[in-house]
C-alpha atoms as a PDB file:
ATOM      1  CA  MET A   1     -27.508  -0.392 -53.066  1.00  0.00           C
ATOM      2  CA  ALA A   2     -27.895   1.556 -49.182  1.00  0.00           C
ATOM      3  CA  ILE A   3     -26.163  -0.484 -47.077  1.00  0.00           C
ATOM      4  CA  ARG A   4     -26.637   0.807 -43.075  1.00  0.00           C
ATOM      5  CA  VAL A   5     -25.540  -0.763 -39.923  1.00  0.00           C
ATOM      6  CA  LYS A   6     -26.617   0.447 -36.606  1.00  0.00           C
ATOM      7  CA  ILE A   7     -24.042  -0.093 -33.090  1.00  0.00           C
ATOM      8  CA  ASN A   8     -26.376   0.386 -30.429  1.00  0.00           C
ATOM      9  CA  ILE A   9     -23.737   0.879 -27.719  1.00  0.00           C
ATOM     10  CA  ASP A  10     -24.269   1.211 -24.262  1.00  0.00           C
ATOM     11  CA  TRP A  11     -21.947   4.010 -23.882  1.00  0.00           C
ATOM     12  CA  ALA A  12     -22.380   4.493 -19.750  1.00  0.00           C
ATOM     13  CA  LYS A  13     -21.525   0.681 -19.525  1.00  0.00           C
ATOM     14  CA  VAL A  14     -18.890   0.979 -20.955  1.00  0.00           C
ATOM     15  CA  LYS A  15     -17.418   3.481 -20.078  1.00  0.00           C
ATOM     16  CA  GLN A  16     -18.188   1.796 -16.596  1.00  0.00           C
ATOM     17  CA  GLN A  17     -15.844  -1.187 -17.727  1.00  0.00           C
ATOM     18  CA  LEU A  18     -13.010   1.401 -18.450  1.00  0.00           C
ATOM     19  CA  ILE A  19     -13.001   2.730 -14.968  1.00  0.00           C
ATOM     20  CA  GLU A  20     -12.950  -0.700 -14.090  1.00  0.00           C
ATOM     21  CA  GLN A  21     -10.192  -1.939 -15.752  1.00  0.00           C
ATOM     22  CA  ILE A  22      -8.276   1.228 -14.926  1.00  0.00           C
ATOM     23  CA  ASP A  23      -9.159   0.570 -11.557  1.00  0.00           C
ATOM     24  CA  THR A  24      -8.392  -3.279 -10.981  1.00  0.00           C
ATOM     25  CA  ARG A  25      -4.336  -1.838 -12.966  1.00  0.00           C
ATOM     26  CA  VAL A  26      -3.826   0.735 -10.348  1.00  0.00           C
ATOM     27  CA  ILE A  27      -4.985  -1.861  -7.194  1.00  0.00           C
ATOM     28  CA  PHE A  28      -1.957  -4.123  -8.791  1.00  0.00           C
ATOM     29  CA  ALA A  29       0.302  -1.014  -8.869  1.00  0.00           C
ATOM     30  CA  PHE A  30      -0.759  -0.284  -5.115  1.00  0.00           C
ATOM     31  CA  GLN A  31      -0.544  -4.094  -4.537  1.00  0.00           C
ATOM     32  CA  ASN A  32       3.246  -3.906  -5.447  1.00  0.00           C
ATOM     33  CA  ALA A  33       3.888  -1.033  -4.476  1.00  0.00           C
ATOM     34  CA  CYS A  34       3.114  -1.494  -1.295  1.00  0.00           C
ATOM     35  CA  ASP A  35       4.741  -5.039  -1.110  1.00  0.00           C
ATOM     36  CA  ASP A  36       8.901  -3.227  -2.753  1.00  0.00           C
ATOM     37  CA  ALA A  37       7.397  -0.564   0.371  1.00  0.00           C
ATOM     38  CA  VAL A  38       7.372  -2.817   3.241  1.00  0.00           C
ATOM     39  CA  ASN A  39      10.208  -5.554   1.603  1.00  0.00           C
ATOM     40  CA  TYR A  40      12.111  -1.923   0.948  1.00  0.00           C
ATOM     41  CA  ALA A  41      11.861  -1.900   5.747  1.00  0.00           C
ATOM     42  CA  LYS A  42      11.798  -4.415   7.202  1.00  0.00           C
ATOM     43  CA  THR A  43      15.231  -5.155   5.247  1.00  0.00           C
ATOM     44  CA  ASN A  44      16.129  -1.464   5.378  1.00  0.00           C
ATOM     45  CA  HIS A  45      15.718  -0.210   9.137  1.00  0.00           C
ATOM     46  CA  GLY A  46      18.864   0.031  10.705  1.00  0.00           C
ATOM     47  CA  TYR A  47      17.529  -0.793  14.731  1.00  0.00           C
ATOM     48  CA  THR A  48      17.630  -4.276  16.282  1.00  0.00           C
ATOM     49  CA  GLN A  49      14.719  -6.387  17.043  1.00  0.00           C
ATOM     50  CA  GLN A  50      14.970  -6.868  19.812  1.00  0.00           C
ATOM     51  CA  SER A  51      10.911  -8.361  20.948  1.00  0.00           C
ATOM     52  CA  GLY A  52      10.106  -8.369  17.143  1.00  0.00           C
ATOM     53  CA  ALA A  53       7.272  -6.292  17.710  1.00  0.00           C
ATOM     54  CA  LEU A  54       8.109  -3.028  15.645  1.00  0.00           C
ATOM     55  CA  ASN A  55       8.920  -4.349  12.731  1.00  0.00           C
ATOM     56  CA  SER A  56       5.334  -6.900  13.274  1.00  0.00           C
ATOM     57  CA  SER A  57       4.102  -4.625  13.445  1.00  0.00           C
ATOM     58  CA  THR A  58       5.338  -2.958  10.324  1.00  0.00           C
ATOM     59  CA  GLY A  59       2.991  -3.983   6.932  1.00  0.00           C
ATOM     60  CA  TYR A  60      -0.188  -1.818   5.196  1.00  0.00           C
ATOM     61  CA  GLN A  61      -3.630  -2.222   4.075  1.00  0.00           C
ATOM     62  CA  LEU A  62      -5.024  -0.603   0.791  1.00  0.00           C
ATOM     63  CA  TYR A  63      -8.550   0.100   0.359  1.00  0.00           C
ATOM     64  CA  LYS A  64     -11.081   0.856  -2.085  1.00  0.00           C
ATOM     65  CA  ASP A  65     -14.300   2.939  -1.308  1.00  0.00           C
ATOM     66  CA  GLY A  66     -14.233   2.512   2.101  1.00  0.00           C
ATOM     67  CA  SER A  67     -13.599  -1.088   1.837  1.00  0.00           C
ATOM     68  CA  LEU A  68     -10.654  -2.937   2.717  1.00  0.00           C
ATOM     69  CA  ILE A  69      -8.987  -4.638  -0.251  1.00  0.00           C
ATOM     70  CA  HIS A  70      -5.786  -6.370   0.775  1.00  0.00           C
ATOM     71  CA  SER A  71      -3.392  -6.624   3.636  1.00  0.00           C
ATOM     72  CA  ARG A  72      -0.310  -7.333   5.180  1.00  0.00           C
ATOM     73  CA  PHE A  73       1.134  -7.533   7.881  1.00  0.00           C
ATOM     74  CA  GLU A  74       4.195 -10.748   9.623  1.00  0.00           C
ATOM     75  CA  ALA A  75       5.327 -12.432  12.744  1.00  0.00           C
ATOM     76  CA  SER A  76       8.588 -10.618  12.350  1.00  0.00           C
ATOM     77  CA  GLN A  77      11.001 -14.025  12.288  1.00  0.00           C
ATOM     78  CA  GLY A  78      13.168 -11.514  14.708  1.00  0.00           C
ATOM     79  CA  GLY A  79      13.247 -10.606  18.781  1.00  0.00           C
ATOM     80  CA  SER A  80      12.801 -12.201  21.568  1.00  0.00           C
ATOM     81  CA  ASP A  81       9.137 -12.742  21.216  1.00  0.00           C
ATOM     82  CA  SER A  82       8.649 -12.025  24.250  1.00  0.00           C
ATOM     83  CA  ASP A  83       5.086 -11.503  25.679  1.00  0.00           C
ATOM     84  CA  GLY A  84       3.575 -12.348  22.199  1.00  0.00           C
ATOM     85  CA  ALA A  85       4.701  -9.306  21.232  1.00  0.00           C
ATOM     86  CA  ARG A  86       5.080 -10.188  17.272  1.00  0.00           C
ATOM     87  CA  ALA A  87       1.258 -10.703  17.525  1.00  0.00           C
ATOM     88  CA  LYS A  88       0.410  -8.039  19.075  1.00  0.00           C
ATOM     89  CA  GLY A  89       3.356  -6.057  16.559  1.00  0.00           C
ATOM     90  CA  VAL A  90       1.278  -7.394  13.791  1.00  0.00           C
ATOM     91  CA  ALA A  91      -2.140  -6.227  15.339  1.00  0.00           C
ATOM     92  CA  ALA A  92      -0.859  -2.913  16.589  1.00  0.00           C
ATOM     93  CA  GLY A  93       0.016  -2.436  12.860  1.00  0.00           C
ATOM     94  CA  GLU A  94      -3.293  -3.360  11.711  1.00  0.00           C
ATOM     95  CA  LYS A  95      -4.820  -1.404  14.245  1.00  0.00           C
ATOM     96  CA  ALA A  96      -3.050   2.507  12.733  1.00  0.00           C
ATOM     97  CA  ALA A  97      -3.755   1.294   9.060  1.00  0.00           C
ATOM     98  CA  SER A  98      -7.250   1.042   9.753  1.00  0.00           C
ATOM     99  CA  GLU A  99      -7.500   4.014  11.548  1.00  0.00           C
ATOM    100  CA  ARG A 100      -6.224   6.134   8.797  1.00  0.00           C
ATOM    101  CA  ALA A 101      -7.365   5.088   6.494  1.00  0.00           C
ATOM    102  CA  SER A 102     -10.751   5.784   7.842  1.00  0.00           C
ATOM    103  CA  GLN A 103      -9.161   9.633   7.847  1.00  0.00           C
ATOM    104  CA  LEU A 104      -8.410   9.633   4.413  1.00  0.00           C
ATOM    105  CA  GLY A 105     -11.469   8.804   2.784  1.00  0.00           C
ATOM    106  CA  ALA A 106      -9.867   7.836  -0.954  1.00  0.00           C
ATOM    107  CA  HIS A 107     -11.276   6.424  -3.999  1.00  0.00           C
ATOM    108  CA  ILE A 108      -8.264   3.495  -3.431  1.00  0.00           C
ATOM    109  CA  CYS A 109      -6.183   4.389  -0.303  1.00  0.00           C
ATOM    110  CA  ALA A 110      -2.798   2.576   0.262  1.00  0.00           C
ATOM    111  CA  VAL A 111      -1.740   2.358   3.829  1.00  0.00           C
ATOM    112  CA  ILE A 112       1.650   1.648   5.206  1.00  0.00           C
ATOM    113  CA  VAL A 113       2.027   2.179   9.494  1.00  0.00           C
ATOM    114  CA  ALA A 114       4.254   0.888  11.656  1.00  0.00           C
ATOM    115  CA  GLY A 115       1.771   0.529  14.236  1.00  0.00           C
ATOM    116  CA  MET A 116       4.369   0.643  17.078  1.00  0.00           C
ATOM    117  CA  PRO A 117       3.656   3.547  19.444  1.00  0.00           C
ATOM    118  CA  TYR A 118       7.278   3.867  20.198  1.00  0.00           C
ATOM    119  CA  ALA A 119       8.225   3.625  16.254  1.00  0.00           C
ATOM    120  CA  ILE A 120       8.415   7.555  16.402  1.00  0.00           C
ATOM    121  CA  TYR A 121      11.021   7.279  19.337  1.00  0.00           C
ATOM    122  CA  VAL A 122      12.838   4.912  17.516  1.00  0.00           C
ATOM    123  CA  GLU A 123      13.134   7.987  14.432  1.00  0.00           C
ATOM    124  CA  SER A 124      14.215   9.746  16.913  1.00  0.00           C
ATOM    125  CA  LYS A 125      17.425   8.227  17.768  1.00  0.00           C
ATOM    126  CA  GLY A 126      18.574   7.883  13.905  1.00  0.00           C
ATOM    127  CA  TYR A 127      17.274   4.377  13.231  1.00  0.00           C
ATOM    128  CA  ASP A 128      15.550   4.055  10.406  1.00  0.00           C
ATOM    129  CA  VAL A 129      11.866   2.389  10.762  1.00  0.00           C
ATOM    130  CA  LEU A 130       9.731   3.895   7.837  1.00  0.00           C
ATOM    131  CA  SER A 131      11.290   7.191   6.846  1.00  0.00           C
ATOM    132  CA  ALA A 132      13.040   6.028   4.259  1.00  0.00           C
ATOM    133  CA  THR A 133      10.584   3.498   3.064  1.00  0.00           C
ATOM    134  CA  GLU A 134       8.481   6.956   2.782  1.00  0.00           C
ATOM    135  CA  LYS A 135      11.289   8.627   0.682  1.00  0.00           C
ATOM    136  CA  GLN A 136      11.377   5.718  -1.625  1.00  0.00           C
ATOM    137  CA  PHE A 137       7.501   5.257  -2.423  1.00  0.00           C
ATOM    138  CA  PRO A 138       6.569   7.389  -4.809  1.00  0.00           C
ATOM    139  CA  ASP A 139       9.665   5.365  -7.056  1.00  0.00           C
ATOM    140  CA  PHE A 140       8.222   2.762  -6.512  1.00  0.00           C
ATOM    141  CA  LEU A 141       4.655   3.335  -7.176  1.00  0.00           C
ATOM    142  CA  GLN A 142       6.079   5.050 -10.730  1.00  0.00           C
ATOM    143  CA  LYS A 143       7.868   1.951 -11.565  1.00  0.00           C
ATOM    144  CA  ARG A 144       4.631  -0.181 -10.567  1.00  0.00           C
ATOM    145  CA  MET A 145       2.057   1.845 -12.407  1.00  0.00           C
ATOM    146  CA  ASP A 146       4.831   2.161 -15.592  1.00  0.00           C
ATOM    147  CA  GLU A 147       4.317  -1.724 -16.098  1.00  0.00           C
ATOM    148  CA  ALA A 148       0.427  -2.407 -15.664  1.00  0.00           C
ATOM    149  CA  PHE A 149       0.011   1.359 -18.544  1.00  0.00           C
ATOM    150  CA  LYS A 150       2.909   0.093 -20.152  1.00  0.00           C
ATOM    151  CA  ASN A 151       0.853  -1.155 -23.553  1.00  0.00           C
ATOM    152  CA  GLU A 152      -1.604   1.645 -22.718  1.00  0.00           C
ATOM    153  CA  ASN A 153      -1.734   5.117 -23.731  1.00  0.00           C
ATOM    154  CA  VAL A 154      -3.286   6.766 -20.310  1.00  0.00           C
ATOM    155  CA  PRO A 155      -2.071   9.645 -19.101  1.00  0.00           C
ATOM    156  CA  TYR A 156      -1.500   9.656 -15.152  1.00  0.00           C
ATOM    157  CA  SER A 157       0.943  11.522 -12.862  1.00  0.00           C
ATOM    158  CA  ILE A 158       1.965  10.646  -9.275  1.00  0.00           C
ATOM    159  CA  THR A 159       2.590  13.834  -6.841  1.00  0.00           C
ATOM    160  CA  THR A 160       3.796  13.996  -3.202  1.00  0.00           C
ATOM    161  CA  GLY A 161       2.429  15.880  -0.254  1.00  0.00           C
END
């Protein structure tokens, strides 16, 4: 007696589902790494908050195929908040992240910024705004990618530059 099994598999659909599962994990890893980075930047900066604008402008946006999928900018608790400085900082950060993301055009794109125009000036005076965070980010991302794929055999590499 011959028994035959015919399996109808839509390989394109299977491939698409696998890509979506991997994308979901990568996005989750990026979001967690960006949260780690923003927390690090906001707690380890070397400057004294005066108005709260610079710290409020520090945050990130996460994009997939050019569409914003997550944003984190929060008004700082420090500083005087003179003339609504914290809200201005949040708006400046969101704008700076959005502008930078539009220049990158990656499938999955995370942009971490300190959006106030004087952030570079503060760094030039020897205070850390984002430079230490930038150096730490590959480690944050590596940790979060390892967590996202700990039980999977998905090869990946993280490069900088």
